[in-house]
Amino acid sequence: MLEINKVTINRILNPTSIDLGEYVINPYVGCEFACTYCYVRSNKAATRRKMPWGSYVDIRVNAPDLLEKEISEKHPGTVLLGSTTECFQPVEKEFRLTWKMLEILNRHKVSYVILTRSPYIAEYIPLLNQGFCKRIYFTVNKVSNTFKQLIEPKSPPLDSRNDAIHKLLDAGISVIPYYSPVIPWVTDVRDLFSPFTKAERIEFEYLNFNLHNAQDMVRHISVAEPALGIKFTGMLSENNYHEQTWDTLDEEIARQSREANKKYKIYRHPYGEFFQNTYFS
């Protein structure tokens, strides 16, 4: 059962080191999709809750009023929506915080970038095509139904995400299909580019095996597919094996990119390191 809490906050525009905006906006705390690999599960605020990730969502009910005020004070050029939550998760249909804040950003002519995996964003095309949405990074995956149930059982169906991307692209909105996480021997790496012929480029983030929740996830996968256990152990314990596995995948993506005549970018986490993504702005 999902616990929903209405809360008030003191600030909605928070400075960020993510190079997609000067500030981040997160209208909710928590995410109903409860993906097992989500890096937010491991942050201090989430671990202090003592509740399973995905079992609660805080509704920041005063966020739109704060945004109206803070725009006048901070004069942001570009903001990022959804760095630690899903702005278009099911509770948004009731509370509409994201809708209200997009209206405010548009009215003040503030540019924004969005991170999402929710097909519900396609309902927001009338707001998104007003000229201030710079780009949407839309997380997709290509795994079997068995593996999807293991790693993100509550997330939207994969096909519905692809359909939403096509609707957004057809509306003239810039969308980057973002394969994440790419998990060796789990992600189907065949034919990665052809589903998104209208996208300007496609991006990939490889699973960071250093995250604690990622290690928990691969253990669950190994139970379902014992043959993968030895390979995952190698990714966790052997630098050369880790790098060679990703090198092989780098080469396959590069080959497909050439055949599709499509730009791409890969986010690859070095062995033993945490999280150092940079994005095209």
Protein backbone atom coordinates (compact mmCIF):
# COMPACT_ATOMS: atom_id res chain seq x y z
CA MET A 1 0.00 0.00 0.00
CA LEU A 2 1.33 3.39 -1.01
CA GLU A 3 1.68 5.94 1.78
CA ILE A 4 0.96 9.47 0.56
CA ASN A 5 2.00 12.41 2.72
CA LYS A 6 1.24 16.05 2.04
CA VAL A 7 4.20 18.16 3.12
CA THR A 8 5.38 21.75 2.83
CA ILE A 9 8.94 22.76 2.06
CA ASN A 10 11.08 25.87 2.32
CA ARG A 11 12.67 25.79 -1.14
CA ILE A 12 11.90 24.23 -4.52
CA LEU A 13 14.77 25.54 -6.70
CA ASN A 14 17.85 23.71 -5.47
CA PRO A 15 21.33 24.25 -6.93
CA THR A 16 22.72 21.23 -8.75
CA SER A 17 26.03 19.91 -10.02
CA ILE A 18 24.24 18.06 -12.83
CA ASP A 19 25.14 19.95 -15.96
CA LEU A 20 21.62 20.07 -17.35
CA GLY A 21 20.52 23.13 -15.41
CA GLU A 22 21.39 25.63 -12.73
CA TYR A 23 18.70 24.32 -10.39
CA VAL A 24 16.66 21.15 -9.94
CA ILE A 25 12.96 20.85 -9.26
CA ASN A 26 11.54 17.74 -7.57
CA PRO A 27 7.82 18.14 -6.88
CA TYR A 28 7.63 14.82 -5.03
CA VAL A 29 9.80 12.80 -2.68
CA GLY A 30 9.84 9.10 -3.46
CA CYS A 31 8.74 7.24 -6.55
CA GLU A 32 5.97 4.72 -7.03
CA PHE A 33 7.90 2.90 -9.75
CA ALA A 34 10.36 1.54 -7.14
CA CYS A 35 13.07 0.50 -9.61
CA THR A 36 15.59 -1.69 -7.83
CA TYR A 37 18.58 -0.04 -9.51
CA CYS A 38 17.61 3.58 -8.76
CA TYR A 39 20.57 5.44 -7.26
CA VAL A 40 18.20 7.56 -5.15
CA ARG A 41 17.45 4.49 -3.03
CA SER A 42 20.95 4.81 -1.60
CA ASN A 43 20.95 8.51 -0.75
CA LYS A 44 20.85 9.68 2.85
CA ALA A 45 17.32 11.05 2.77
CA ALA A 46 15.91 7.77 1.44
CA THR A 47 17.81 5.55 3.87
CA ARG A 48 16.68 7.67 6.83
CA ARG A 49 13.04 6.95 6.01
CA LYS A 50 13.26 3.32 7.18
CA MET A 51 10.56 2.52 4.63
CA PRO A 52 10.98 0.51 1.42
CA TRP A 53 11.67 2.64 -1.63
CA GLY A 54 8.48 2.85 -3.65
CA SER A 55 6.16 2.52 -0.64
CA TYR A 56 5.75 6.26 -0.04
CA VAL A 57 5.45 9.55 -1.88
CA ASP A 58 5.57 12.99 -0.28
CA ILE A 59 3.50 15.61 -2.07
CA ARG A 60 5.20 19.00 -1.83
CA VAL A 61 1.94 20.87 -1.91
CA ASN A 62 3.41 24.38 -1.75
CA ALA A 63 5.94 23.77 -4.53
CA PRO A 64 4.11 25.80 -7.22
CA ASP A 65 3.74 28.84 -4.95
CA LEU A 66 7.41 28.62 -4.00
CA LEU A 67 8.45 28.34 -7.62
CA GLU A 68 6.56 31.49 -8.53
CA LYS A 69 8.38 33.36 -5.77
CA GLU A 70 11.84 31.89 -6.31
CA ILE A 71 11.90 32.55 -10.05
CA SER A 72 11.55 36.24 -9.28
CA GLU A 73 14.40 36.05 -6.77
CA LYS A 74 16.87 33.72 -8.54
CA HIS A 75 16.16 34.36 -12.23
CA PRO A 76 17.13 30.85 -13.39
CA GLY A 77 18.14 30.34 -16.99
CA THR A 78 17.54 26.58 -17.19
CA VAL A 79 16.16 24.15 -14.60
CA LEU A 80 16.11 20.36 -14.44
CA LEU A 81 12.98 18.49 -13.44
CA GLY A 82 13.09 15.03 -11.89
CA SER A 83 16.61 14.47 -10.59
CA THR A 84 15.47 12.42 -7.56
CA THR A 85 11.84 11.63 -8.32
CA GLU A 86 9.52 10.84 -11.21
CA CYS A 87 7.58 14.01 -12.00
CA PHE A 88 4.99 12.06 -14.00
CA GLN A 89 4.33 9.16 -11.66
CA PRO A 90 0.71 8.13 -10.97
CA VAL A 91 0.16 10.59 -8.08
CA GLU A 92 0.71 13.42 -10.55
CA LYS A 93 -2.66 12.62 -12.11
CA GLU A 94 -4.32 13.67 -8.85
CA PHE A 95 -2.08 16.46 -7.56
CA ARG A 96 -0.87 18.00 -10.85
CA LEU A 97 2.15 19.66 -9.28
CA THR A 98 4.29 19.12 -12.36
CA TRP A 99 1.59 20.51 -14.63
CA LYS A 100 1.29 23.64 -12.48
CA MET A 101 5.03 24.19 -12.38
CA LEU A 102 5.44 23.74 -16.13
CA GLU A 103 2.78 26.40 -16.57
CA ILE A 104 4.77 28.72 -14.30
CA LEU A 105 8.06 28.02 -16.09
CA ASN A 106 6.45 28.67 -19.46
CA ARG A 107 4.87 31.90 -18.27
CA HIS A 108 8.20 33.17 -16.97
CA LYS A 109 10.02 31.90 -20.08
CA VAL A 110 12.38 29.69 -18.09
CA SER A 111 13.92 26.85 -20.08
CA TYR A 112 13.83 23.34 -18.64
CA VAL A 113 15.12 19.81 -19.15
CA ILE A 114 13.17 16.78 -17.95
CA LEU A 115 14.25 13.31 -16.80
CA THR A 116 11.46 10.72 -16.96
CA ARG A 117 10.45 7.16 -17.73
CA SER A 118 6.70 7.78 -17.62
CA PRO A 119 4.47 7.63 -20.72
CA TYR A 120 2.10 10.00 -18.92
CA ILE A 121 4.34 12.86 -20.03
CA ALA A 122 2.78 12.60 -23.49
CA GLU A 123 -0.37 14.15 -21.99
CA TYR A 124 1.68 17.30 -21.37
CA ILE A 125 2.53 18.01 -25.01
CA PRO A 126 0.42 21.21 -25.03
CA LEU A 127 2.77 22.60 -22.36
CA LEU A 128 5.98 21.05 -23.63
CA ASN A 129 5.74 22.43 -27.16
CA GLN A 130 5.50 26.07 -26.12
CA GLY A 131 9.20 26.52 -26.77
CA PHE A 132 10.76 26.27 -23.30
CA CYS A 133 11.32 22.51 -23.02
CA LYS A 134 14.93 22.16 -24.19
CA ARG A 135 15.10 18.39 -24.01
CA ILE A 136 13.59 15.29 -22.43
CA TYR A 137 15.82 12.39 -21.39
CA PHE A 138 13.42 9.45 -21.56
CA THR A 139 14.62 6.27 -19.86
CA VAL A 140 13.95 3.09 -21.79
CA ASN A 141 15.03 -0.51 -21.33
CA LYS A 142 15.19 -3.58 -23.48
CA VAL A 143 14.88 -6.63 -21.28
CA SER A 144 12.66 -9.70 -21.17
CA ASN A 145 9.46 -9.65 -19.13
CA THR A 146 11.11 -11.99 -16.64
CA PHE A 147 13.95 -9.58 -16.00
CA LYS A 148 11.66 -6.56 -15.97
CA GLN A 149 9.70 -8.11 -13.13
CA LEU A 150 12.95 -8.55 -11.23
CA ILE A 151 14.43 -5.08 -11.71
CA GLU A 152 11.49 -2.71 -12.18
CA PRO A 153 8.17 -4.53 -11.67
CA LYS A 154 6.13 -1.38 -11.01
CA SER A 155 7.46 0.75 -13.84
CA PRO A 156 5.41 1.47 -16.99
CA PRO A 157 5.46 -1.14 -19.77
CA LEU A 158 8.45 -0.80 -22.04
CA ASP A 159 6.38 -0.57 -25.22
CA SER A 160 4.30 2.27 -23.79
CA ARG A 161 7.47 4.28 -23.18
CA ASN A 162 8.56 3.85 -26.78
CA ASP A 163 5.09 4.93 -27.94
CA ALA A 164 5.29 8.07 -25.77
CA ILE A 165 8.70 8.93 -27.20
CA HIS A 166 7.28 8.71 -30.72
CA LYS A 167 4.39 11.02 -29.78
CA LEU A 168 6.76 13.58 -28.30
CA LEU A 169 9.10 13.45 -31.29
CA ASP A 170 6.18 13.77 -33.69
CA ALA A 171 5.14 16.89 -31.76
CA GLY A 172 8.54 18.42 -32.45
CA ILE A 173 9.89 18.01 -28.91
CA SER A 174 13.54 17.08 -28.46
CA VAL A 175 13.77 13.64 -26.83
CA ILE A 176 16.84 11.57 -26.05
CA PRO A 177 15.99 7.87 -25.66
CA TYR A 178 18.14 6.87 -22.70
CA TYR A 179 18.85 3.16 -22.26
CA SER A 180 19.44 2.70 -18.55
CA PRO A 181 20.70 0.68 -16.91
CA VAL A 182 22.40 -1.40 -19.56
CA ILE A 183 23.08 -4.68 -17.77
CA PRO A 184 25.44 -7.17 -19.43
CA TRP A 185 23.79 -10.47 -20.42
CA VAL A 186 20.40 -9.06 -19.35
CA THR A 187 19.83 -6.10 -21.66
CA ASP A 188 19.02 -7.20 -25.20
CA VAL A 189 21.59 -5.23 -27.18
CA ARG A 190 20.28 -6.18 -30.60
CA ASP A 191 18.72 -3.48 -32.76
CA LEU A 192 19.05 -0.61 -30.28
CA PHE A 193 18.80 2.29 -32.72
CA SER A 194 16.01 1.49 -35.18
CA PRO A 195 13.10 2.03 -32.75
CA PHE A 196 14.01 5.73 -32.52
CA THR A 197 14.82 6.90 -36.02
CA LYS A 198 13.54 10.45 -35.38
CA ALA A 199 15.68 11.04 -32.28
CA GLU A 200 18.75 13.24 -32.76
CA ARG A 201 20.85 10.81 -30.73
CA ILE A 202 20.56 7.90 -28.31
CA GLU A 203 22.33 7.56 -25.00
CA PHE A 204 23.30 4.62 -22.83
CA GLU A 205 24.18 4.31 -19.17
CA TYR A 206 25.87 1.12 -18.07
CA LEU A 207 24.94 -0.33 -14.71
CA ASN A 208 27.17 0.92 -11.93
CA PHE A 209 28.06 -2.27 -10.11
CA ASN A 210 29.49 -0.23 -7.23
CA LEU A 211 26.08 0.88 -5.95
CA HIS A 212 24.84 -1.21 -3.03
CA ASN A 213 21.34 -1.53 -4.41
CA ALA A 214 22.76 -2.57 -7.80
CA GLN A 215 24.61 -5.38 -6.05
CA ASP A 216 21.37 -6.43 -4.36
CA MET A 217 19.65 -6.40 -7.74
CA VAL A 218 22.23 -8.59 -9.47
CA ARG A 219 21.98 -11.06 -6.61
CA HIS A 220 18.24 -11.36 -7.27
CA ILE A 221 18.92 -11.84 -10.98
CA SER A 222 21.49 -14.50 -10.17
CA VAL A 223 18.92 -16.44 -8.18
CA ALA A 224 16.59 -16.45 -11.18
CA GLU A 225 19.45 -17.15 -13.63
CA PRO A 226 22.24 -18.94 -11.70
CA ALA A 227 24.53 -18.96 -14.73
CA LEU A 228 24.77 -15.19 -14.50
CA GLY A 229 26.02 -15.31 -10.93
CA ILE A 230 29.61 -16.14 -11.90
CA LYS A 231 29.67 -13.39 -14.54
CA PHE A 232 28.30 -10.80 -12.14
CA THR A 233 30.88 -11.85 -9.55
CA GLY A 234 33.54 -11.09 -12.12
CA MET A 235 32.07 -7.63 -12.75
CA LEU A 236 32.17 -6.93 -9.02
CA SER A 237 35.62 -8.31 -8.26
CA GLU A 238 37.84 -8.23 -11.36
CA ASN A 239 38.88 -4.96 -12.95
CA ASN A 240 40.03 -6.49 -16.23
CA TYR A 241 36.87 -8.56 -16.61
CA HIS A 242 34.73 -5.51 -15.81
CA GLU A 243 36.49 -3.33 -18.39
CA GLN A 244 36.64 -6.00 -21.11
CA THR A 245 32.91 -6.67 -20.78
CA TRP A 246 32.09 -3.00 -21.27
CA ASP A 247 34.67 -2.67 -24.07
CA THR A 248 32.84 -5.37 -26.01
CA LEU A 249 29.55 -3.57 -25.55
CA ASP A 250 31.13 -0.25 -26.55
CA GLU A 251 32.17 -1.83 -29.83
CA GLU A 252 28.70 -3.27 -30.49
CA ILE A 253 26.98 0.06 -29.88
CA ALA A 254 29.50 1.86 -32.08
CA ARG A 255 28.86 -0.65 -34.87
CA GLN A 256 25.09 -0.19 -34.66
CA SER A 257 25.53 3.58 -34.57
CA ARG A 258 27.48 3.52 -37.81
CA GLU A 259 24.87 1.35 -39.49
CA ALA A 260 22.04 3.60 -38.29
CA ASN A 261 23.98 6.80 -39.01
CA LYS A 262 22.93 8.00 -35.57
CA LYS A 263 24.86 9.85 -32.88
CA TYR A 264 25.20 8.27 -29.46
CA LYS A 265 26.83 8.72 -26.08
CA ILE A 266 27.74 6.19 -23.41
CA TYR A 267 27.98 6.81 -19.66
CA ARG A 268 30.34 4.20 -18.30
CA HIS A 269 31.28 4.04 -14.64
CA PRO A 270 34.91 3.04 -14.07
CA TYR A 271 35.58 0.02 -11.91
CA GLY A 272 35.38 0.97 -8.24
CA GLU A 273 33.92 4.44 -8.79
CA PHE A 274 30.49 5.78 -7.94
CA PHE A 275 28.54 8.22 -10.11
CA GLN A 276 30.10 10.79 -12.43
CA ASN A 277 27.63 11.43 -15.23
CA THR A 278 27.91 14.47 -17.44
CA TYR A 279 25.31 15.25 -20.08
CA PHE A 280 25.08 17.16 -23.28
CA SER A 281 23.33 20.43 -22.45
